[in-house]
Amino acid sequence: MRRHARWPAVGCLFLALIAASGCSAPAARPAPSSQAPTVGPATAPAAETWWRAGSVTGTLASELVAPWSVVPLDGGGALISERGDGTVLELTAAGEVRSVGTIAGVVSGGESGLHGLALLRTDGTPMLYAYFGAADDNRVARMPLRGEPGSFELGEPEVILDGIARASTHDGGRLAFGPDGYLYVTTGDAQLSDAAQDPDSLNGKILRVTADGEPAGGNPWATRVWSMGHRNVQGIAWTADGTMWASEFGQNAWDELNRIEPGANYGWPVVEGIAGRGEFADPVAQWPTSDASPSGIAARGDTVFMAGLRGERLWQIDTSAGTVRGEPVAALAGEYGRLRDVVALPDGSLWLLTNNTDGRGSPRPGDDLLLRVELVPEP
């Protein structure tokens, strides 16, 4: 059993805008289908709302080891992935942390291992989806989550998607079920930068698939690919108006927040950051890599919250009709070290996962932590 504790904290600021450009011409891109659907609610909310991180009101879990993804559970509690050994933990509603099981076939190394989790709630047994590095590739598997809260166990995994190249870095790995019910999967270029511009490769992409791993209906090229030209996307979320957003690691110049459109090409490796080239979709915001190195993102209302690893801060980006409103604002700068994941809870709070024990951070007492952050409305 792991130690359970309770603590507190607060915030800061920055944004970078302007251009970065590339050199060689991209590989020819097939025209996307005009049948790609609009994702999200049919009607926008009556009024836009924006939020800010307030105080840290508690530590929900401590002594986590290289945690990567957190999935809240109905009735309280959560599932948490640990990258190094493929363990899935349950945080119970009572604040206990226990092992649910270890996913067979996880092979860690470098930045690869067990990454994103997503839970598909059904009328029967819920299914847990996991993205992980295996011996020769990255893959997505699903497994039944059996039992009751406080005593969950993992059933046998079934691989639904494989053949995603893996490497010591740039492995992507975020999973999320979108407002349309389909599973979105983010992949990195696995140090094969040209793969991001290859429409037949699964790498350097955001994928959109059914619960069985098949191409979702209405995908722009009738494949699993939803968008292309990505270097290493580790965060996806949808604001209240249904707009999809993704955080992306840059190389040496710019990290990005992108508005994701089906069939769009985001330019890597030809461009990095805002380039103003019509064949590529520019990010809506960019940061020097020292200020962000973004991983998980979450949305509440029309604000996107972006966890920063190297930047060691929580970026808050207000949006309006698919664009950025004002300048992004930083919170908790340097207070908890590297931040890996953030999720928005129905009770109006954020849960924030630190990542100081992954070999790149400086562990602090009790690390790694799952923190609860109160949200306050932005006028």
Protein backbone atom coordinates (compact mmCIF):
# COMPACT_ATOMS: atom_id res chain seq x y z
CA MET A 1 0.00 0.00 0.00
CA ARG A 2 1.27 3.46 -0.83
CA ARG A 3 1.29 6.48 1.39
CA HIS A 4 -1.64 8.86 1.07
CA ALA A 5 -1.14 12.52 1.97
CA ARG A 6 -2.65 15.98 1.69
CA TRP A 7 -0.85 19.34 0.84
CA PRO A 8 -1.28 22.94 -1.03
CA ALA A 9 0.13 25.80 -3.66
CA VAL A 10 -0.28 28.68 -6.57
CA GLY A 11 0.84 30.42 -10.07
CA CYS A 12 2.70 32.70 -12.99
CA LEU A 13 2.89 33.73 -16.97
CA PHE A 14 4.30 33.74 -20.71
CA LEU A 15 3.63 33.30 -24.51
CA ALA A 16 5.69 33.36 -27.68
CA LEU A 17 4.13 34.13 -31.09
CA ILE A 18 5.90 34.73 -34.55
CA ALA A 19 7.49 32.50 -37.14
CA ALA A 20 9.67 29.49 -37.69
CA SER A 21 10.17 28.10 -41.17
CA GLY A 22 11.28 24.97 -42.99
CA CYS A 23 13.13 24.03 -46.13
CA SER A 24 12.27 21.05 -48.29
CA ALA A 25 8.87 20.59 -49.91
CA PRO A 26 6.51 18.08 -48.28
CA ALA A 27 5.55 14.78 -49.84
CA ALA A 28 2.37 14.99 -51.88
CA ARG A 29 -0.69 14.64 -49.66
CA PRO A 30 -3.85 12.93 -50.89
CA ALA A 31 -6.94 15.11 -50.83
CA PRO A 32 -9.09 14.37 -47.78
CA SER A 33 -12.67 13.29 -48.25
CA SER A 34 -15.29 16.02 -48.09
CA GLN A 35 -17.37 13.66 -45.95
CA ALA A 36 -15.34 14.12 -42.76
CA PRO A 37 -17.82 14.93 -39.98
CA THR A 38 -17.84 17.88 -37.63
CA VAL A 39 -16.95 16.62 -34.16
CA GLY A 40 -18.73 17.99 -31.13
CA PRO A 41 -22.12 19.34 -30.16
CA ALA A 42 -24.45 20.45 -32.93
CA THR A 43 -24.95 23.78 -31.21
CA ALA A 44 -22.40 25.87 -29.38
CA PRO A 45 -23.03 26.72 -25.73
CA ALA A 46 -25.01 29.90 -25.10
CA ALA A 47 -22.05 31.64 -23.44
CA GLU A 48 -18.30 31.07 -23.42
CA THR A 49 -16.70 30.40 -20.05
CA TRP A 50 -13.05 30.61 -18.97
CA TRP A 51 -11.31 29.29 -15.87
CA ARG A 52 -8.16 29.66 -13.81
CA ALA A 53 -6.30 27.30 -11.49
CA GLY A 54 -6.74 28.38 -7.90
CA SER A 55 -5.10 26.76 -4.89
CA VAL A 56 -3.94 23.17 -4.64
CA THR A 57 -6.43 21.74 -2.15
CA GLY A 58 -4.97 18.30 -1.59
CA THR A 59 -2.63 15.50 -2.55
CA LEU A 60 -4.77 12.57 -3.62
CA ALA A 61 -1.91 10.10 -4.09
CA SER A 62 1.84 10.08 -3.46
CA GLU A 63 4.90 7.89 -4.04
CA LEU A 64 3.86 7.12 -7.63
CA VAL A 65 6.65 5.86 -9.91
CA ALA A 66 6.89 7.53 -13.34
CA PRO A 67 3.09 7.96 -13.67
CA TRP A 68 1.84 8.87 -17.14
CA SER A 69 -1.96 8.95 -17.34
CA VAL A 70 -4.86 9.34 -14.94
CA VAL A 71 -8.50 8.38 -15.62
CA PRO A 72 -11.12 9.45 -13.04
CA LEU A 73 -13.68 6.83 -12.04
CA ASP A 74 -17.38 7.29 -11.39
CA GLY A 75 -18.05 7.79 -7.71
CA GLY A 76 -14.52 8.99 -6.95
CA GLY A 77 -11.12 7.44 -7.36
CA ALA A 78 -9.05 6.95 -10.50
CA LEU A 79 -6.89 4.62 -12.55
CA ILE A 80 -3.23 5.63 -12.99
CA SER A 81 -0.63 4.16 -15.36
CA GLU A 82 3.03 3.78 -14.35
CA ARG A 83 5.30 3.86 -17.38
CA GLY A 84 8.23 1.73 -16.26
CA ASP A 85 6.70 -1.62 -15.32
CA GLY A 86 3.26 -1.54 -16.98
CA THR A 87 1.37 -1.33 -13.70
CA VAL A 88 -2.14 0.12 -13.51
CA LEU A 89 -3.03 1.50 -10.08
CA GLU A 90 -6.41 2.21 -8.54
CA LEU A 91 -6.85 5.25 -6.34
CA THR A 92 -9.94 4.41 -4.32
CA ALA A 93 -12.57 6.94 -3.24
CA ALA A 94 -11.23 6.46 0.30
CA GLY A 95 -7.74 7.56 -0.78
CA GLU A 96 -6.00 4.17 -0.83
CA VAL A 97 -3.67 3.27 -3.73
CA ARG A 98 -3.51 -0.35 -4.86
CA SER A 99 -2.40 -2.31 -7.92
CA VAL A 100 -5.11 -3.35 -10.36
CA GLY A 101 -2.63 -5.41 -12.41
CA THR A 102 0.33 -5.29 -14.75
CA ILE A 103 -0.29 -5.27 -18.50
CA ALA A 104 1.46 -8.19 -20.17
CA GLY A 105 3.82 -7.34 -23.01
CA VAL A 106 4.87 -3.85 -21.86
CA VAL A 107 8.56 -3.28 -22.64
CA SER A 108 9.92 -0.03 -21.24
CA GLY A 109 13.04 1.83 -22.34
CA GLY A 110 13.83 5.48 -22.88
CA GLU A 111 10.48 7.27 -23.05
CA SER A 112 8.57 4.14 -24.03
CA GLY A 113 6.54 1.91 -21.74
CA LEU A 114 2.95 2.13 -20.49
CA HIS A 115 1.46 5.46 -21.55
CA GLY A 116 -2.16 6.56 -21.98
CA LEU A 117 -5.30 5.02 -20.54
CA ALA A 118 -8.93 5.47 -21.58
CA LEU A 119 -12.03 3.86 -20.12
CA LEU A 120 -15.02 2.81 -22.22
CA ARG A 121 -18.07 2.57 -19.98
CA THR A 122 -20.63 0.08 -21.27
CA ASP A 123 -23.82 -1.53 -20.00
CA GLY A 124 -21.71 -4.52 -19.03
CA THR A 125 -18.10 -4.74 -17.91
CA PRO A 126 -16.18 -1.50 -18.58
CA MET A 127 -13.19 -1.82 -20.94
CA LEU A 128 -9.84 -0.22 -20.19
CA TYR A 129 -7.73 0.82 -23.20
CA ALA A 130 -3.97 1.24 -22.88
CA TYR A 131 -1.24 2.54 -25.22
CA PHE A 132 2.15 0.94 -24.59
CA GLY A 133 5.52 0.03 -26.01
CA ALA A 134 5.95 -3.67 -26.76
CA ALA A 135 9.15 -5.43 -27.87
CA ASP A 136 8.98 -4.24 -31.48
CA ASP A 137 6.33 -1.53 -31.70
CA ASN A 138 3.83 0.67 -29.90
CA ARG A 139 0.30 -0.70 -29.68
CA VAL A 140 -3.14 -0.25 -28.16
CA ALA A 141 -4.83 -3.02 -26.21
CA ARG A 142 -8.12 -3.25 -24.35
CA MET A 143 -9.02 -5.36 -21.36
CA PRO A 144 -12.06 -5.78 -19.11
CA LEU A 145 -11.98 -3.91 -15.81
CA ARG A 146 -13.52 -6.49 -13.53
CA GLY A 147 -14.83 -6.23 -10.01
CA GLU A 148 -16.02 -3.33 -7.91
CA PRO A 149 -14.46 -0.01 -6.84
CA GLY A 150 -11.74 -0.72 -4.32
CA SER A 151 -11.09 -4.20 -5.72
CA PHE A 152 -10.82 -3.78 -9.51
CA GLU A 153 -8.78 -6.28 -11.51
CA LEU A 154 -7.62 -6.34 -15.14
CA GLY A 155 -8.76 -9.08 -17.50
CA GLU A 156 -6.69 -10.42 -20.39
CA PRO A 157 -5.52 -7.75 -22.86
CA GLU A 158 -6.59 -7.87 -26.51
CA VAL A 159 -4.44 -5.90 -28.97
CA ILE A 160 -6.66 -3.79 -31.24
CA LEU A 161 -3.97 -1.68 -32.95
CA ASP A 162 -0.28 -2.40 -33.51
CA GLY A 163 2.53 -1.61 -35.93
CA ILE A 164 3.16 1.91 -34.58
CA ALA A 165 6.95 2.34 -34.67
CA ARG A 166 8.61 2.81 -31.28
CA ALA A 167 11.88 4.47 -30.31
CA SER A 168 13.66 5.73 -27.22
CA THR A 169 11.83 9.08 -27.71
CA HIS A 170 8.85 10.51 -29.64
CA ASP A 171 6.39 7.73 -28.83
CA GLY A 172 3.20 9.78 -28.43
CA GLY A 173 0.78 7.72 -26.40
CA ARG A 174 -2.32 9.67 -25.37
CA LEU A 175 -5.75 8.01 -25.65
CA ALA A 176 -9.19 9.63 -25.36
CA PHE A 177 -12.73 8.85 -26.40
CA GLY A 178 -14.04 11.94 -28.19
CA PRO A 179 -17.48 13.53 -28.08
CA ASP A 180 -18.37 11.39 -31.13
CA GLY A 181 -17.66 8.16 -29.22
CA TYR A 182 -14.60 7.20 -31.27
CA LEU A 183 -11.16 6.49 -29.80
CA TYR A 184 -8.43 9.04 -30.59
CA VAL A 185 -4.81 7.87 -30.45
CA THR A 186 -1.76 10.15 -30.62
CA THR A 187 1.49 8.81 -32.07
CA GLY A 188 4.98 10.27 -32.29
CA ASP A 189 7.33 10.13 -35.25
CA ALA A 190 9.56 7.64 -33.35
CA GLN A 191 12.62 9.55 -34.66
CA LEU A 192 11.48 8.73 -38.22
CA SER A 193 10.59 12.32 -39.04
CA ASP A 194 9.59 11.62 -42.65
CA ALA A 195 6.89 9.25 -41.37
CA ALA A 196 4.87 12.27 -40.22
CA GLN A 197 4.41 13.28 -43.89
CA ASP A 198 3.71 9.71 -45.07
CA PRO A 199 -0.08 9.22 -45.19
CA ASP A 200 0.41 5.43 -45.09
CA SER A 201 2.39 5.50 -41.83
CA LEU A 202 0.71 5.43 -38.41
CA ASN A 203 3.51 7.54 -36.93
CA GLY A 204 3.43 11.32 -36.52
CA LYS A 205 -0.37 11.24 -36.59
CA ILE A 206 -3.56 11.54 -34.62
CA LEU A 207 -5.62 8.43 -35.30
CA ARG A 208 -9.40 8.03 -34.98
CA VAL A 209 -10.65 4.47 -34.64
CA THR A 210 -13.61 2.43 -33.49
CA ALA A 211 -13.63 0.60 -30.17
CA ASP A 212 -12.29 -2.41 -32.13
CA GLY A 213 -9.37 -0.43 -33.62
CA GLU A 214 -10.82 -0.14 -37.13
CA PRO A 215 -10.86 3.14 -39.13
CA ALA A 216 -13.74 5.30 -37.89
CA GLY A 217 -16.46 6.26 -40.32
CA GLY A 218 -15.91 9.63 -41.99
CA ASN A 219 -12.13 9.68 -41.54
CA PRO A 220 -10.62 11.99 -44.19
CA TRP A 221 -8.61 9.33 -46.09
CA ALA A 222 -10.79 6.33 -45.16
CA THR A 223 -7.86 5.06 -43.05
CA ARG A 224 -7.18 5.36 -39.32
CA VAL A 225 -5.50 8.75 -39.82
CA TRP A 226 -7.36 11.86 -38.63
CA SER A 227 -4.53 14.41 -38.95
CA MET A 228 -0.86 14.26 -39.95
CA GLY A 229 2.45 16.13 -39.83
CA HIS A 230 2.92 15.78 -36.06
CA ARG A 231 6.23 15.34 -34.22
CA ASN A 232 5.07 14.06 -30.82
CA VAL A 233 1.52 14.73 -29.61
CA GLN A 234 0.92 13.78 -25.96
CA GLY A 235 -2.27 15.68 -25.13
CA ILE A 236 -5.76 15.94 -26.65
CA ALA A 237 -8.95 17.54 -25.33
CA TRP A 238 -12.20 19.16 -26.49
CA THR A 239 -13.52 22.53 -25.33
CA ALA A 240 -17.23 23.12 -24.67
CA ASP A 241 -17.90 24.13 -28.29
CA GLY A 242 -16.60 20.75 -29.54
CA THR A 243 -13.27 22.08 -30.84
CA MET A 244 -10.45 19.53 -30.61
CA TRP A 245 -7.03 20.64 -29.31
CA ALA A 246 -3.64 18.92 -29.15
CA SER A 247 -0.34 19.73 -27.45
CA GLU A 248 2.82 18.93 -29.39
CA PHE A 249 6.51 18.69 -28.51
CA GLY A 250 8.68 20.75 -30.81
CA GLN A 251 12.32 20.03 -31.54
CA ASN A 252 14.62 22.92 -30.64
CA ALA A 253 12.47 26.00 -31.22
CA TRP A 254 8.74 25.80 -30.55
CA ASP A 255 6.27 23.68 -28.63
CA GLU A 256 2.71 23.99 -29.92
CA LEU A 257 -0.99 24.04 -29.13
CA ASN A 258 -2.91 23.07 -32.26
CA ARG A 259 -6.56 23.22 -33.20
CA ILE A 260 -7.14 19.82 -34.80
CA GLU A 261 -9.13 19.58 -38.01
CA PRO A 262 -9.72 16.31 -39.91
CA GLY A 263 -7.37 15.98 -42.87
CA ALA A 264 -5.11 18.85 -41.81
CA ASN A 265 -1.31 18.66 -42.09
CA TYR A 266 0.60 20.29 -39.21
CA GLY A 267 3.89 20.50 -41.07
CA TRP A 268 6.48 18.43 -39.22
CA PRO A 269 9.33 17.98 -40.19
CA VAL A 270 9.13 20.68 -42.86
CA VAL A 271 8.14 23.40 -40.39
CA GLU A 272 8.15 23.86 -36.62
CA GLY A 273 5.89 26.44 -34.98
CA ILE A 274 4.08 29.25 -36.79
CA ALA A 275 5.32 29.29 -40.40
CA GLY A 276 2.53 31.01 -42.35
CA ARG A 277 2.62 28.43 -45.16
CA GLY A 278 -0.82 27.75 -46.55
CA GLU A 279 -0.32 24.02 -47.08
CA PHE A 280 0.22 23.54 -43.35
CA ALA A 281 -1.99 24.32 -40.34
CA ASP A 282 -0.24 26.75 -37.98
CA PRO A 283 -0.44 26.29 -34.21
CA VAL A 284 -2.75 28.70 -32.40
CA ALA A 285 -0.04 29.25 -29.75
CA GLN A 286 3.63 28.40 -29.39
CA TRP A 287 6.22 28.42 -26.61
CA PRO A 288 10.01 28.06 -26.42
CA THR A 289 10.71 24.44 -25.48
CA SER A 290 12.20 25.58 -22.15
CA ASP A 291 8.82 27.00 -21.11
CA ALA A 292 6.60 24.05 -21.98
CA SER A 293 7.57 20.58 -23.30
CA PRO A 294 3.85 19.83 -23.06
CA SER A 295 2.25 16.50 -22.28
CA GLY A 296 -1.38 16.03 -21.14
CA ILE A 297 -4.08 18.65 -21.65
CA ALA A 298 -7.62 19.09 -20.36
CA ALA A 299 -10.45 21.51 -21.05
CA ARG A 300 -13.11 23.12 -18.90
CA GLY A 301 -15.54 25.43 -20.63
CA ASP A 302 -13.43 27.26 -23.22
CA THR A 303 -10.11 27.10 -21.37
CA VAL A 304 -7.43 24.54 -22.25
CA PHE A 305 -5.06 23.50 -19.44
CA MET A 306 -1.66 22.20 -20.59
CA ALA A 307 0.80 20.34 -18.35
CA GLY A 308 4.45 21.28 -18.89
CA LEU A 309 7.34 18.91 -18.25
CA ARG A 310 10.54 20.88 -18.82
CA GLY A 311 8.58 24.10 -18.23
CA GLU A 312 7.34 22.81 -14.85
CA ARG A 313 4.12 24.80 -15.03
CA LEU A 314 0.45 24.55 -15.91
CA TRP A 315 -0.44 26.69 -18.93
CA GLN A 316 -3.98 28.11 -19.11
CA ILE A 317 -5.12 29.03 -22.63
CA ASP A 318 -8.50 30.73 -23.12
CA THR A 319 -10.13 30.03 -26.47
CA SER A 320 -12.97 31.58 -28.43
CA ALA A 321 -14.39 30.14 -31.65
CA GLY A 322 -11.27 28.04 -32.21
CA THR A 323 -8.75 30.82 -31.59
CA VAL A 324 -6.73 31.95 -28.58
CA ARG A 325 -8.25 34.75 -26.49
CA GLY A 326 -5.55 36.92 -24.93
CA GLU A 327 -2.21 35.52 -23.77
CA PRO A 328 -1.75 32.10 -22.15
CA VAL A 329 -1.19 32.35 -18.40
CA ALA A 330 1.10 30.07 -16.37
CA ALA A 331 0.23 28.69 -12.93
CA LEU A 332 2.20 26.69 -10.34
CA ALA A 333 5.48 27.59 -12.06
CA GLY A 334 8.27 25.51 -10.53
CA GLU A 335 6.23 24.58 -7.47
CA TYR A 336 5.77 20.87 -8.14
CA GLY A 337 8.38 20.14 -10.79
CA ARG A 338 7.54 18.34 -14.03
CA LEU A 339 3.82 18.03 -14.85
CA ARG A 340 2.73 15.06 -16.97
CA ASP A 341 -1.07 14.94 -17.10
CA VAL A 342 -4.09 17.05 -16.22
CA VAL A 343 -7.78 16.11 -16.20
CA ALA A 344 -10.93 18.15 -15.58
CA LEU A 345 -13.42 16.76 -13.06
CA PRO A 346 -17.21 17.28 -13.00
CA ASP A 347 -16.92 18.86 -9.53
CA GLY A 348 -15.10 21.86 -11.03
CA SER A 349 -11.57 20.81 -10.08
CA LEU A 350 -8.47 19.71 -11.96
CA TRP A 351 -6.36 16.68 -11.13
CA LEU A 352 -2.68 17.22 -11.89
CA LEU A 353 -0.08 14.45 -12.18
CA THR A 354 3.58 15.25 -11.47
CA ASN A 355 6.44 13.41 -13.22
CA ASN A 356 9.70 13.86 -11.34
CA THR A 357 10.62 10.16 -10.99
CA ASP A 358 10.92 9.35 -14.71
CA GLY A 359 14.69 9.83 -14.84
CA ARG A 360 14.57 13.42 -16.10
CA GLY A 361 13.33 15.20 -13.02
CA SER A 362 14.54 15.82 -9.49
CA PRO A 363 12.24 13.87 -7.15
CA ARG A 364 10.86 15.77 -4.18
CA PRO A 365 9.53 14.32 -0.92
CA GLY A 366 6.57 12.06 -1.68
CA ASP A 367 6.98 12.19 -5.47
CA ASP A 368 5.31 11.52 -7.68
CA LEU A 369 1.99 13.10 -6.75
CA LEU A 370 -1.61 13.36 -7.92
CA LEU A 371 -2.84 16.82 -6.87
CA ARG A 372 -6.31 18.34 -6.69
CA VAL A 373 -6.51 21.95 -7.92
CA GLU A 374 -9.54 24.16 -7.35
CA LEU A 375 -10.79 26.09 -10.40
CA VAL A 376 -12.17 29.62 -10.28
CA PRO A 377 -14.07 31.39 -13.09
CA GLU A 378 -12.24 34.02 -15.11
CA PRO A 379 -14.34 37.18 -15.52
